[in-house]
């Protein structure tokens, strides 16, 4: 049984729903990013005032300070909150690594729409906990629920692949990347602005959290009323006379050009080094140029803007393998520049290269992974692919910053650059272009 092709009109409608819903989801998700320092400082001060030396937050801070004091280089106390934010980010990524394959597999079995709506239910619960978080325990619970339920990104990728043929695949995956770039350009600024509006004394961040919840509720209602099922088996053609129906693993066979193990490992190693470098940037810019949070925000906004432009113009037109190759080369170059730079001009040059990386690598790898997945396994395979990346994201900041503080910036970025050269070797030497991706080139 083969799936009935999606008509151009219906495909356009589905992609519009995917784009709008994913944009709402990511803008809501990015609200909290610039708020982490003040938010965690609020909870720390709250528990200090309550003299809760045995509280969960204070026990975590004691552990982080013990870890920090083990380094040969002194680390300013201003980084205590940054380290705590990094630990929470690693926890979120670790939970995503657990949940992503499960969500993807369930979407293959019960449908993308059903899996996504259940995921949105978890997202609403997560943000509702943030609205009510007048203590650190409740806030931590909101992050745990969010990490275990967030599935919009991987399911949007699977749905976009469901309604795209081989010729359209690369451009469609770039659409998902554009959502990321737009959201990370404007979402943090909007979240920071809303944080200045205090409506609940017990939770100064309730306004930002409340608006985030509003966006999630709107997104859920929009998906419920406008998103059709995209799983190919839901639009399967009846068998013709004389055909042999097969079920289970024999229903559809696919010859893989790149094994999923190779693609997943490439994703893991790339994110391991890239996320570590991302997390270290605020430390480096403060250390070298005394950058404030506002200045760091401008740097990240610049990267998001460049990435958006590239995804809308370059990424969607290049072959996915070429996209990945371009991105990893730019990333390797940025590592070596960051390890040696002495001027702000060099910093912004490296940021431009990192914007190229942001616009290309993950989008290209997602596209290649979708080419290697049969219709009935696409959700699970893309979920596994995302899981490997999230494992890298949960480990990268801790490992890279440990090296940064023990051995110094030069050594840390040199090791990172060498690691990225290893990724380049895999991308150029081991990854191949799937024949289907070349059929219309």
Protein backbone atom coordinates (compact mmCIF):
# COMPACT_ATOMS: atom_id res chain seq x y z
CA UNK A 1 0.00 0.00 0.00
CA UNK A 2 1.49 3.37 -1.00
CA UNK A 3 0.50 6.76 0.32
CA UNK A 4 -1.58 9.10 -1.81
CA UNK A 5 0.52 12.17 -2.69
CA UNK A 6 -0.53 15.38 -0.97
CA UNK A 7 -1.97 17.96 -3.35
CA UNK A 8 0.01 21.22 -3.68
CA UNK A 9 -2.84 23.22 -2.16
CA UNK A 10 -3.19 20.93 0.87
CA UNK A 11 0.58 20.76 1.30
CA UNK A 12 0.76 24.54 1.39
CA UNK A 13 -2.01 24.64 4.00
CA UNK A 14 -0.30 22.04 6.19
CA UNK A 15 3.07 23.79 5.97
CA UNK A 16 1.41 27.05 6.96
CA UNK A 17 -0.06 25.40 10.05
CA UNK A 18 3.31 23.81 10.90
CA UNK A 19 5.14 27.12 10.48
CA UNK A 20 2.73 29.23 12.55
CA UNK A 21 2.40 26.66 15.34
CA UNK A 22 6.14 26.04 15.55
CA UNK A 23 6.83 29.77 15.59
CA UNK A 24 4.38 30.26 18.47
CA UNK A 25 5.92 27.32 20.30
CA UNK A 26 9.50 28.52 19.93
CA UNK A 27 8.72 32.13 20.80
CA UNK A 28 7.04 30.87 23.98
CA UNK A 29 10.03 28.59 24.66
CA UNK A 30 12.59 31.40 24.22
CA UNK A 31 10.82 33.79 26.62
CA UNK A 32 12.61 32.27 29.58
CA UNK A 33 16.15 32.30 28.15
CA UNK A 34 17.17 35.88 29.08
CA UNK A 35 15.28 35.63 32.37
CA UNK A 36 17.26 32.72 33.82
CA UNK A 37 19.85 34.86 35.69
CA UNK A 38 17.30 37.13 37.42
CA UNK A 39 14.80 34.32 37.86
CA UNK A 40 17.26 32.02 39.61
CA UNK A 41 18.64 34.94 41.61
CA UNK A 42 15.08 35.65 42.80
CA UNK A 43 14.66 32.08 44.04
CA UNK A 44 18.09 32.08 45.67
CA UNK A 45 17.37 35.33 47.54
CA UNK A 46 13.92 34.05 48.51
CA UNK A 47 15.30 30.89 50.07
CA UNK A 48 18.13 32.82 51.75
CA UNK A 49 15.60 35.13 53.39
CA UNK A 50 13.66 32.11 54.59
CA UNK A 51 16.89 30.69 56.08
CA UNK A 52 16.31 27.42 54.24
CA UNK A 53 19.86 26.13 54.31
CA UNK A 54 18.64 22.60 53.66
CA UNK A 55 16.37 23.59 50.75
CA UNK A 56 16.73 21.94 47.37
CA UNK A 57 18.13 25.07 45.74
CA UNK A 58 20.73 25.67 48.43
CA UNK A 59 21.87 22.04 48.26
CA UNK A 60 22.29 22.40 44.49
CA UNK A 61 24.25 25.65 44.89
CA UNK A 62 26.56 24.07 47.48
CA UNK A 63 27.30 21.25 45.05
CA UNK A 64 27.98 23.67 42.19
CA UNK A 65 30.31 25.77 44.35
CA UNK A 66 32.22 22.70 45.45
CA UNK A 67 32.65 21.82 41.78
CA UNK A 68 33.68 25.40 40.91
CA UNK A 69 36.30 25.56 43.68
CA UNK A 70 38.03 22.46 42.30
CA UNK A 71 39.41 24.46 39.36
CA UNK A 72 42.93 25.82 39.26
CA UNK A 73 41.64 29.19 38.01
CA UNK A 74 39.44 31.39 40.23
CA UNK A 75 35.87 31.73 39.00
CA UNK A 76 33.89 34.84 39.87
CA UNK A 77 30.79 34.45 42.04
CA UNK A 78 28.83 36.21 39.30
CA UNK A 79 28.88 32.89 37.46
CA UNK A 80 27.08 30.96 40.21
CA UNK A 81 23.71 31.68 38.63
CA UNK A 82 25.09 31.00 35.14
CA UNK A 83 26.28 27.58 36.28
CA UNK A 84 22.89 26.85 37.83
CA UNK A 85 21.18 27.89 34.60
CA UNK A 86 23.53 25.61 32.68
CA UNK A 87 22.74 22.72 35.02
CA UNK A 88 19.00 23.23 34.46
CA UNK A 89 19.59 23.43 30.71
CA UNK A 90 21.49 20.15 30.81
CA UNK A 91 18.66 18.56 32.80
CA UNK A 92 16.10 19.73 30.23
CA UNK A 93 18.19 18.34 27.35
CA UNK A 94 18.71 15.02 29.15
CA UNK A 95 14.95 14.65 29.65
CA UNK A 96 14.41 15.50 25.98
CA UNK A 97 16.88 12.77 25.04
CA UNK A 98 14.70 10.29 26.93
CA UNK A 99 11.37 11.57 25.64
CA UNK A 100 12.12 12.26 21.96
CA UNK A 101 12.36 8.64 20.71
CA UNK A 102 9.21 7.72 22.64
CA UNK A 103 7.22 10.65 21.24
CA UNK A 104 8.46 9.88 17.72
CA UNK A 105 7.58 6.19 17.93
CA UNK A 106 4.12 6.98 19.31
CA UNK A 107 3.55 9.38 16.40
CA UNK A 108 4.35 6.53 13.96
CA UNK A 109 1.81 4.31 15.69
CA UNK A 110 -1.02 6.66 16.62
CA UNK A 111 -0.46 9.59 14.25
CA UNK A 112 1.44 12.88 14.28
CA UNK A 113 -1.62 14.94 15.19
CA UNK A 114 -2.51 12.82 18.21
CA UNK A 115 1.07 12.75 19.51
CA UNK A 116 1.45 16.49 19.03
CA UNK A 117 -1.77 17.36 20.87
CA UNK A 118 -0.74 15.18 23.83
CA UNK A 119 2.67 16.86 23.76
CA UNK A 120 0.96 20.27 23.83
CA UNK A 121 -1.02 19.17 26.88
CA UNK A 122 2.27 18.56 28.68
CA UNK A 123 3.61 21.91 27.49
CA UNK A 124 0.58 23.72 28.88
CA UNK A 125 1.04 21.97 32.23
CA UNK A 126 4.72 22.94 32.24
CA UNK A 127 4.11 26.64 31.59
CA UNK A 128 1.16 26.70 34.03
CA UNK A 129 3.57 25.46 36.72
CA UNK A 130 5.92 28.32 35.82
CA UNK A 131 3.07 30.82 36.24
CA UNK A 132 2.42 29.40 39.71
CA UNK A 133 6.11 29.00 40.63
CA UNK A 134 6.49 31.01 43.83
CA UNK A 135 9.30 28.69 44.95
CA UNK A 136 12.18 26.88 43.27
CA UNK A 137 10.67 23.40 43.63
CA UNK A 138 7.65 24.37 41.55
CA UNK A 139 9.86 26.03 38.94
CA UNK A 140 12.05 22.92 38.74
CA UNK A 141 8.91 20.79 38.32
CA UNK A 142 7.87 22.98 35.38
CA UNK A 143 11.23 22.34 33.66
CA UNK A 144 10.98 18.58 34.26
CA UNK A 145 7.45 18.40 32.84
CA UNK A 146 8.52 20.52 29.87
CA UNK A 147 11.57 18.38 29.16
CA UNK A 148 9.51 15.19 29.15
CA UNK A 149 6.66 16.54 27.02
CA UNK A 150 8.15 18.94 24.44
CA UNK A 151 7.77 17.30 21.04
CA UNK A 152 6.76 20.11 18.71
CA UNK A 153 10.12 20.48 16.96
CA UNK A 154 10.66 16.81 16.08
CA UNK A 155 7.01 16.28 15.13
CA UNK A 156 7.02 19.41 12.98
CA UNK A 157 10.08 18.02 11.21
CA UNK A 158 8.36 14.65 10.70
CA UNK A 159 5.16 16.27 9.44
CA UNK A 160 7.07 18.50 7.06
CA UNK A 161 8.83 15.41 5.67
CA UNK A 162 5.49 13.56 5.42
CA UNK A 163 4.06 16.12 2.99
CA UNK A 164 7.24 16.73 0.96
CA UNK A 165 8.66 14.74 -1.90
CA UNK A 166 12.38 14.23 -2.42
CA UNK A 167 12.74 17.44 -4.41
CA UNK A 168 11.03 19.55 -1.75
CA UNK A 169 12.67 18.00 1.31
CA UNK A 170 15.63 20.37 1.75
CA UNK A 171 13.60 23.55 1.34
CA UNK A 172 10.94 22.25 3.72
CA UNK A 173 13.49 21.46 6.44
CA UNK A 174 14.90 24.96 6.03
CA UNK A 175 11.43 26.27 6.87
CA UNK A 176 11.73 24.67 10.30
CA UNK A 177 15.14 26.31 10.70
CA UNK A 178 13.69 29.71 9.80
CA UNK A 179 11.22 29.33 12.69
CA UNK A 180 14.14 28.79 15.06
CA UNK A 181 16.01 31.83 13.83
CA UNK A 182 13.00 34.15 13.97
CA UNK A 183 12.02 32.93 17.44
CA UNK A 184 15.53 33.25 18.86
CA UNK A 185 15.84 36.74 17.36
CA UNK A 186 12.63 38.18 18.84
CA UNK A 187 11.47 35.79 21.60
CA UNK A 188 14.15 36.57 24.22
CA UNK A 189 13.68 40.34 23.76
CA UNK A 190 9.92 40.01 24.21
CA UNK A 191 10.38 37.83 27.27
CA UNK A 192 12.78 40.35 28.81
CA UNK A 193 10.32 43.18 28.16
CA UNK A 194 7.42 41.30 29.76
CA UNK A 195 9.56 40.49 32.80
CA UNK A 196 9.57 44.22 33.60
CA UNK A 197 5.78 44.13 34.05
CA UNK A 198 5.09 42.87 37.57
CA UNK A 199 1.55 41.61 38.17
CA UNK A 200 2.12 39.04 40.93
CA UNK A 201 4.38 39.98 43.84
CA UNK A 202 5.02 36.36 44.81
CA UNK A 203 6.23 35.62 41.27
CA UNK A 204 7.72 38.67 39.48
CA UNK A 205 7.96 36.66 36.26
CA UNK A 206 4.28 35.68 36.17
CA UNK A 207 3.54 38.17 33.37
CA UNK A 208 6.09 36.63 31.01
CA UNK A 209 5.00 33.14 32.07
CA UNK A 210 1.34 34.04 31.62
CA UNK A 211 1.87 35.36 28.11
CA UNK A 212 3.93 32.26 27.31
CA UNK A 213 1.00 30.14 28.50
CA UNK A 214 -1.37 32.21 26.36
CA UNK A 215 0.75 31.49 23.26
CA UNK A 216 0.82 27.75 24.05
CA UNK A 217 -2.96 27.64 24.51
CA UNK A 218 -3.50 29.52 21.24
CA UNK A 219 -1.10 27.15 19.49
CA UNK A 220 -2.91 24.09 20.86
CA UNK A 221 -6.32 25.37 19.75
CA UNK A 222 -4.93 26.26 16.33
CA UNK A 223 -3.48 22.77 15.91
CA UNK A 224 -6.70 21.12 17.11
CA UNK A 225 -8.87 22.93 14.57
CA UNK A 226 -6.54 23.24 11.56
CA UNK A 227 -3.93 20.45 11.58
CA UNK A 228 -4.91 17.30 9.65
CA UNK A 229 -3.18 13.96 10.11
CA UNK A 230 -0.05 13.78 7.93
CA UNK A 231 1.10 10.22 8.70
CA UNK A 232 1.41 8.54 5.26
CA UNK A 233 -0.46 5.39 6.36
CA UNK A 234 -3.55 7.53 7.02
CA UNK A 235 -3.79 8.35 3.33
CA UNK A 236 -2.72 4.95 1.93
CA UNK A 237 -4.04 3.88 -1.46
CA UNK A 238 -6.05 0.64 -1.64
CA UNK A 239 -4.09 -2.25 -3.07
CA UNK A 240 -4.49 -2.93 -6.78
CA UNK A 241 -5.39 -6.36 -8.11
CA UNK A 242 -2.51 -8.78 -7.93
CA UNK A 243 -0.47 -6.74 -5.47
CA UNK A 244 0.88 -8.33 -2.32
CA UNK A 245 0.09 -6.60 0.94
CA UNK A 246 2.71 -6.77 3.65
CA UNK A 247 2.61 -5.49 7.15
CA UNK A 248 5.13 -4.76 9.85
CA UNK A 249 8.80 -4.49 8.92
CA UNK A 250 8.15 -5.93 5.46
CA UNK A 251 5.58 -3.30 4.51
CA UNK A 252 8.21 -0.97 3.19
CA UNK A 253 11.90 -1.55 2.69
CA UNK A 254 14.44 1.14 2.16
CA UNK A 255 18.05 0.98 1.11
CA UNK A 256 20.02 3.36 3.29
CA UNK A 257 22.93 5.34 1.89
CA UNK A 258 23.93 6.57 5.36
CA UNK A 259 23.12 4.48 8.40
CA UNK A 260 21.10 6.21 11.10
CA UNK A 261 23.86 5.30 13.54
CA UNK A 262 26.34 7.35 11.49
CA UNK A 263 23.93 10.30 11.16
CA UNK A 264 23.05 10.21 14.85
CA UNK A 265 26.69 9.99 15.90
CA UNK A 266 27.57 12.94 13.66
CA UNK A 267 24.72 14.92 15.23
CA UNK A 268 25.88 13.99 18.74
CA UNK A 269 29.54 14.94 18.23
CA UNK A 270 28.66 18.20 16.48
CA UNK A 271 26.22 19.30 19.21
CA UNK A 272 28.65 18.19 21.94
CA UNK A 273 31.28 20.70 20.79
CA UNK A 274 28.91 23.37 19.47
CA UNK A 275 26.74 23.57 22.61
CA UNK A 276 29.82 23.75 24.81
CA UNK A 277 31.12 26.69 22.81
CA UNK A 278 27.69 28.38 22.93
CA UNK A 279 27.56 28.14 26.71
CA UNK A 280 31.09 29.48 27.12
CA UNK A 281 30.51 32.61 25.02
CA UNK A 282 29.09 34.77 27.87
CA UNK A 283 32.09 33.87 30.03
CA UNK A 284 34.54 34.74 27.26
CA UNK A 285 32.89 38.02 26.22
CA UNK A 286 32.74 39.15 29.85
CA UNK A 287 36.33 38.11 30.49
CA UNK A 288 37.76 39.82 27.40
CA UNK A 289 35.44 42.77 26.77
CA UNK A 290 33.37 43.11 29.98
CA UNK A 291 30.17 42.52 27.99
CA UNK A 292 26.89 43.10 29.81
CA UNK A 293 23.83 40.87 29.35
CA UNK A 294 22.42 43.46 26.97
CA UNK A 295 25.53 43.41 24.79
CA UNK A 296 25.54 39.60 24.75
CA UNK A 297 21.88 39.72 23.75
CA UNK A 298 22.71 42.00 20.81
CA UNK A 299 25.40 39.56 19.69
CA UNK A 300 22.96 36.64 19.80
CA UNK A 301 20.30 38.71 18.03
CA UNK A 302 22.76 39.49 15.25
CA UNK A 303 23.51 35.78 14.86
CA UNK A 304 19.80 34.96 14.74
CA UNK A 305 19.16 37.59 12.06
CA UNK A 306 22.00 36.36 9.84
CA UNK A 307 20.85 32.75 10.30
CA UNK A 308 17.29 33.69 9.29
CA UNK A 309 18.49 35.33 6.10
CA UNK A 310 20.71 32.38 5.21
CA UNK A 311 18.00 29.80 5.84
CA UNK A 312 15.56 31.67 3.67
CA UNK A 313 18.02 32.13 0.82
CA UNK A 314 20.94 29.67 0.88
CA UNK A 315 20.01 26.66 3.01
CA UNK A 316 16.73 25.95 1.25
CA UNK A 317 18.44 25.89 -2.18
CA UNK A 318 21.55 23.81 -1.45
CA UNK A 319 21.65 20.03 -1.23
CA UNK A 320 21.41 18.92 2.44
CA UNK A 321 24.88 17.35 2.40
CA UNK A 322 26.42 20.56 1.03
CA UNK A 323 24.54 22.49 3.70
CA UNK A 324 26.08 20.35 6.45
CA UNK A 325 29.55 20.61 4.91
CA UNK A 326 29.33 24.41 4.73
CA UNK A 327 28.20 24.62 8.36
CA UNK A 328 30.85 22.40 9.93
CA UNK A 329 33.68 24.18 8.08
CA UNK A 330 32.36 27.55 9.29
CA UNK A 331 32.11 26.17 12.83
CA UNK A 332 35.68 24.82 12.84
CA UNK A 333 36.97 28.19 11.63
CA UNK A 334 35.01 30.03 14.33
CA UNK A 335 36.51 27.84 17.06
CA UNK A 336 40.06 28.73 16.08
CA UNK A 337 39.19 32.44 15.79
CA UNK A 338 37.53 32.44 19.23
CA UNK A 339 40.61 30.84 20.75
CA UNK A 340 42.91 33.60 19.44
CA UNK A 341 40.81 36.75 19.12
CA UNK A 342 41.79 39.98 20.84
CA UNK A 343 39.38 42.52 19.29
CA UNK A 344 35.61 42.92 19.10
CA UNK A 345 35.81 42.93 15.30
CA UNK A 346 37.19 39.40 15.42
CA UNK A 347 34.42 38.42 17.85
CA UNK A 348 31.72 39.63 15.47
CA UNK A 349 33.47 37.89 12.58
CA UNK A 350 33.40 34.61 14.53
CA UNK A 351 29.73 35.27 15.38
CA UNK A 352 28.99 35.56 11.64
CA UNK A 353 30.55 32.15 11.05
CA UNK A 354 28.54 30.73 13.94
CA UNK A 355 25.39 32.15 12.36
CA UNK A 356 26.27 30.20 9.20
CA UNK A 357 26.61 27.09 11.35
CA UNK A 358 23.29 27.72 13.09
CA UNK A 359 21.55 28.12 9.74
CA UNK A 360 22.90 24.92 8.20
CA UNK A 361 24.14 21.91 10.13
CA UNK A 362 21.15 20.71 12.15
CA UNK A 363 18.74 21.51 9.31
CA UNK A 364 20.88 19.54 6.85
CA UNK A 365 21.32 16.56 9.17
CA UNK A 366 17.57 16.44 9.83
CA UNK A 367 16.96 16.42 6.09
CA UNK A 368 19.48 13.62 5.49
CA UNK A 369 17.97 11.59 8.33
CA UNK A 370 14.49 11.95 6.85
CA UNK A 371 15.76 10.68 3.46
CA UNK A 372 17.01 7.52 5.16
CA UNK A 373 13.72 6.78 6.96
CA UNK A 374 10.81 4.85 5.53
CA UNK A 375 7.36 6.40 5.84
CA UNK A 376 6.25 4.15 8.68
CA UNK A 377 9.35 4.75 10.80
CA UNK A 378 10.01 8.45 10.17
CA UNK A 379 8.77 9.71 13.53
CA UNK A 380 10.84 7.22 15.50
CA UNK A 381 13.99 7.73 13.44
CA UNK A 382 13.80 11.52 13.67
CA UNK A 383 13.06 11.19 17.39
CA UNK A 384 16.20 9.10 17.86
CA UNK A 385 18.18 11.60 15.80
CA UNK A 386 17.02 14.45 18.04
CA UNK A 387 17.74 12.36 21.14
CA UNK A 388 21.40 11.93 20.21
CA UNK A 389 21.69 15.68 19.74
CA UNK A 390 20.08 16.34 23.11
CA UNK A 391 22.54 13.97 24.80
CA UNK A 392 25.34 16.05 23.29
CA UNK A 393 23.64 19.23 24.47
CA UNK A 394 23.31 17.89 28.01
CA UNK A 395 27.04 17.02 28.21
CA UNK A 396 28.70 19.70 26.06
CA UNK A 397 28.44 22.75 28.36
CA UNK A 398 29.74 20.88 31.41
CA UNK A 399 32.68 19.28 29.59
CA UNK A 400 33.69 22.35 27.59
CA UNK A 401 33.48 24.81 30.49
CA UNK A 402 35.43 22.41 32.69
CA UNK A 403 38.20 22.47 30.10
CA UNK A 404 37.87 26.27 29.74
CA UNK A 405 38.43 26.84 33.47
CA UNK A 406 41.08 24.21 33.97
CA UNK A 407 43.25 24.82 30.91
CA UNK A 408 42.22 28.28 29.68
CA UNK A 409 40.50 29.72 26.65
CA UNK A 410 43.26 28.94 24.15
CA UNK A 411 43.34 25.24 24.97
CA UNK A 412 39.57 24.88 25.24
CA UNK A 413 38.85 26.38 21.83
CA UNK A 414 41.81 24.57 20.25
CA UNK A 415 40.40 21.25 21.48
CA UNK A 416 36.96 22.31 20.29
CA UNK A 417 38.37 23.24 16.89
CA UNK A 418 40.16 19.90 16.65
CA UNK A 419 36.93 18.13 17.55
CA UNK A 420 35.08 20.05 14.87
CA UNK A 421 37.75 19.08 12.34
CA UNK A 422 36.93 15.49 13.29
CA UNK A 423 33.27 16.23 12.51
CA UNK A 424 34.42 17.68 9.16
CA UNK A 425 36.26 14.43 8.44
CA UNK A 426 33.07 12.44 9.06
CA UNK A 427 30.91 14.80 7.00
CA UNK A 428 33.27 14.95 4.02
CA UNK A 429 34.62 11.39 4.23
CA UNK A 430 31.76 9.21 5.43
CA UNK A 431 28.43 10.88 4.67
CA UNK A 432 27.04 10.39 1.17
CA UNK A 433 24.22 12.02 -0.75
CA UNK A 434 21.17 9.69 -0.83
CA UNK A 435 20.25 8.90 -4.46
CA UNK A 436 16.70 10.12 -3.89
CA UNK A 437 18.02 13.52 -2.90
CA UNK A 438 19.85 13.81 -6.23
CA UNK A 439 17.03 12.67 -8.47
CA UNK A 440 15.70 16.17 -9.00
CA UNK A 441 18.91 18.16 -8.66
